[in-house]
Amino acid sequence: MAYVITFPCAGEKAAECVEVCPVDCIAEGKDQFYIDPDICIDCGACQAVCPVDAIFHEEELLDEDLPFLEKARQHFSS
């Protein structure tokens, strides 16, 4: 399981999450930041500092947010 960055981050890209991640699993994409689901250790540090409340645990995603998990997987597979 992993944390996922969702729509509120699009265009915001504040980057507080990147600074606190202990395993460097967050990377900047063209439109937002993404969390690598294969590296995330589920610590929640990123969620605690997100100024736009865009980060949710994979198990807590709403149906409309599920595409953001797939976008993260695609971002790190290329």
C-alpha atoms as a PDB file:
ATOM      1  CA  MET A   1       0.000   0.000   0.000  1.00  0.00           C
ATOM      2  CA  ALA A   2       1.042   3.567  -0.558  1.00  0.00           C
ATOM      3  CA  TYR A   3       0.001   7.156  -0.248  1.00  0.00           C
ATOM      4  CA  VAL A   4      -1.354   8.848  -3.363  1.00  0.00           C
ATOM      5  CA  ILE A   5      -1.290  12.506  -4.393  1.00  0.00           C
ATOM      6  CA  THR A   6      -4.624  13.566  -5.869  1.00  0.00           C
ATOM      7  CA  PHE A   7      -6.188  16.455  -7.798  1.00  0.00           C
ATOM      8  CA  PRO A   8      -5.663  19.341  -5.342  1.00  0.00           C
ATOM      9  CA  CYS A   9      -1.928  19.088  -6.070  1.00  0.00           C
ATOM     10  CA  ALA A  10      -2.398  19.687  -9.805  1.00  0.00           C
ATOM     11  CA  GLY A  11      -0.874  23.058 -10.536  1.00  0.00           C
ATOM     12  CA  GLU A  12      -0.056  23.676  -6.850  1.00  0.00           C
ATOM     13  CA  LYS A  13       3.166  21.686  -6.471  1.00  0.00           C
ATOM     14  CA  ALA A  14       4.089  23.162  -3.070  1.00  0.00           C
ATOM     15  CA  ALA A  15       6.756  20.455  -2.437  1.00  0.00           C
ATOM     16  CA  GLU A  16       6.581  20.255   1.356  1.00  0.00           C
ATOM     17  CA  CYS A  17       5.916  16.528   0.888  1.00  0.00           C
ATOM     18  CA  VAL A  18       9.195  16.036  -0.977  1.00  0.00           C
ATOM     19  CA  GLU A  19      11.188  17.626   1.831  1.00  0.00           C
ATOM     20  CA  VAL A  20       9.835  15.308   4.552  1.00  0.00           C
ATOM     21  CA  CYS A  21       9.798  11.967   2.717  1.00  0.00           C
ATOM     22  CA  PRO A  22      12.341   9.689   4.421  1.00  0.00           C
ATOM     23  CA  VAL A  23      12.730   7.377   1.399  1.00  0.00           C
ATOM     24  CA  ASP A  24      12.713   9.916  -1.468  1.00  0.00           C
ATOM     25  CA  CYS A  25       9.707   8.317  -3.158  1.00  0.00           C
ATOM     26  CA  ILE A  26       8.099  11.586  -4.299  1.00  0.00           C
ATOM     27  CA  ALA A  27       8.966  13.024  -7.697  1.00  0.00           C
ATOM     28  CA  GLU A  28       7.822  16.052  -9.619  1.00  0.00           C
ATOM     29  CA  GLY A  29       5.784  15.389 -12.730  1.00  0.00           C
ATOM     30  CA  LYS A  30       4.624  17.763 -15.424  1.00  0.00           C
ATOM     31  CA  ASP A  31       1.401  18.718 -13.658  1.00  0.00           C
ATOM     32  CA  GLN A  32       1.837  17.529 -10.059  1.00  0.00           C
ATOM     33  CA  PHE A  33       3.981  15.495  -7.676  1.00  0.00           C
ATOM     34  CA  TYR A  34       3.732  11.706  -7.604  1.00  0.00           C
ATOM     35  CA  ILE A  35       4.490   9.106  -4.941  1.00  0.00           C
ATOM     36  CA  ASP A  36       6.174   5.927  -6.146  1.00  0.00           C
ATOM     37  CA  PRO A  37       3.848   3.181  -4.844  1.00  0.00           C
ATOM     38  CA  ASP A  38       6.659   0.625  -4.943  1.00  0.00           C
ATOM     39  CA  ILE A  39       8.939   2.651  -2.666  1.00  0.00           C
ATOM     40  CA  CYS A  40       6.461   4.365  -0.295  1.00  0.00           C
ATOM     41  CA  ILE A  41       6.761   2.972   3.244  1.00  0.00           C
ATOM     42  CA  ASP A  42       3.367   4.284   4.417  1.00  0.00           C
ATOM     43  CA  CYS A  43       4.831   6.569   7.054  1.00  0.00           C
ATOM     44  CA  GLY A  44       2.351   9.402   6.435  1.00  0.00           C
ATOM     45  CA  ALA A  45       4.910  12.193   6.785  1.00  0.00           C
ATOM     46  CA  CYS A  46       3.890  13.637   3.419  1.00  0.00           C
ATOM     47  CA  GLN A  47       0.201  13.668   4.281  1.00  0.00           C
ATOM     48  CA  ALA A  48       0.826  15.597   7.483  1.00  0.00           C
ATOM     49  CA  VAL A  49       2.521  18.514   5.697  1.00  0.00           C
ATOM     50  CA  CYS A  50       0.461  18.776   2.496  1.00  0.00           C
ATOM     51  CA  PRO A  51      -0.927  22.342   2.437  1.00  0.00           C
ATOM     52  CA  VAL A  52      -3.766  21.449   0.043  1.00  0.00           C
ATOM     53  CA  ASP A  53      -4.856  18.116   1.590  1.00  0.00           C
ATOM     54  CA  ALA A  54      -4.120  16.232  -1.615  1.00  0.00           C
ATOM     55  CA  ILE A  55      -2.498  13.118  -0.117  1.00  0.00           C
ATOM     56  CA  PHE A  56      -4.491  10.063   0.887  1.00  0.00           C
ATOM     57  CA  HIS A  57      -3.663   6.477   1.741  1.00  0.00           C
ATOM     58  CA  GLU A  58      -4.437   4.145  -1.150  1.00  0.00           C
ATOM     59  CA  GLU A  59      -7.099   2.354   0.919  1.00  0.00           C
ATOM     60  CA  GLU A  60      -8.885   5.665   1.599  1.00  0.00           C
ATOM     61  CA  LEU A  61      -9.134   6.866  -2.008  1.00  0.00           C
ATOM     62  CA  LEU A  62     -12.536   7.798  -3.343  1.00  0.00           C
ATOM     63  CA  ASP A  63     -13.541   6.207  -6.645  1.00  0.00           C
ATOM     64  CA  GLU A  64     -12.888   9.461  -8.482  1.00  0.00           C
ATOM     65  CA  ASP A  65      -9.336   9.554  -7.091  1.00  0.00           C
ATOM     66  CA  LEU A  66      -8.335   6.040  -8.229  1.00  0.00           C
ATOM     67  CA  PRO A  67      -6.959   7.352 -11.558  1.00  0.00           C
ATOM     68  CA  PHE A  68      -4.296   9.253  -9.582  1.00  0.00           C
ATOM     69  CA  LEU A  69      -2.836   5.974  -8.316  1.00  0.00           C
ATOM     70  CA  GLU A  70      -2.603   4.755 -11.905  1.00  0.00           C
ATOM     71  CA  LYS A  71      -1.027   8.061 -12.982  1.00  0.00           C
ATOM     72  CA  ALA A  72       1.629   7.600 -10.288  1.00  0.00           C
ATOM     73  CA  ARG A  73       2.342   4.049 -11.442  1.00  0.00           C
ATOM     74  CA  GLN A  74       2.657   5.242 -15.034  1.00  0.00           C
ATOM     75  CA  HIS A  75       4.924   8.117 -14.020  1.00  0.00           C
ATOM     76  CA  PHE A  76       7.405   5.767 -12.389  1.00  0.00           C
ATOM     77  CA  SER A  77       7.205   3.044 -15.035  1.00  0.00           C
ATOM     78  CA  SER A  78       8.541   5.304 -17.788  1.00  0.00           C
END
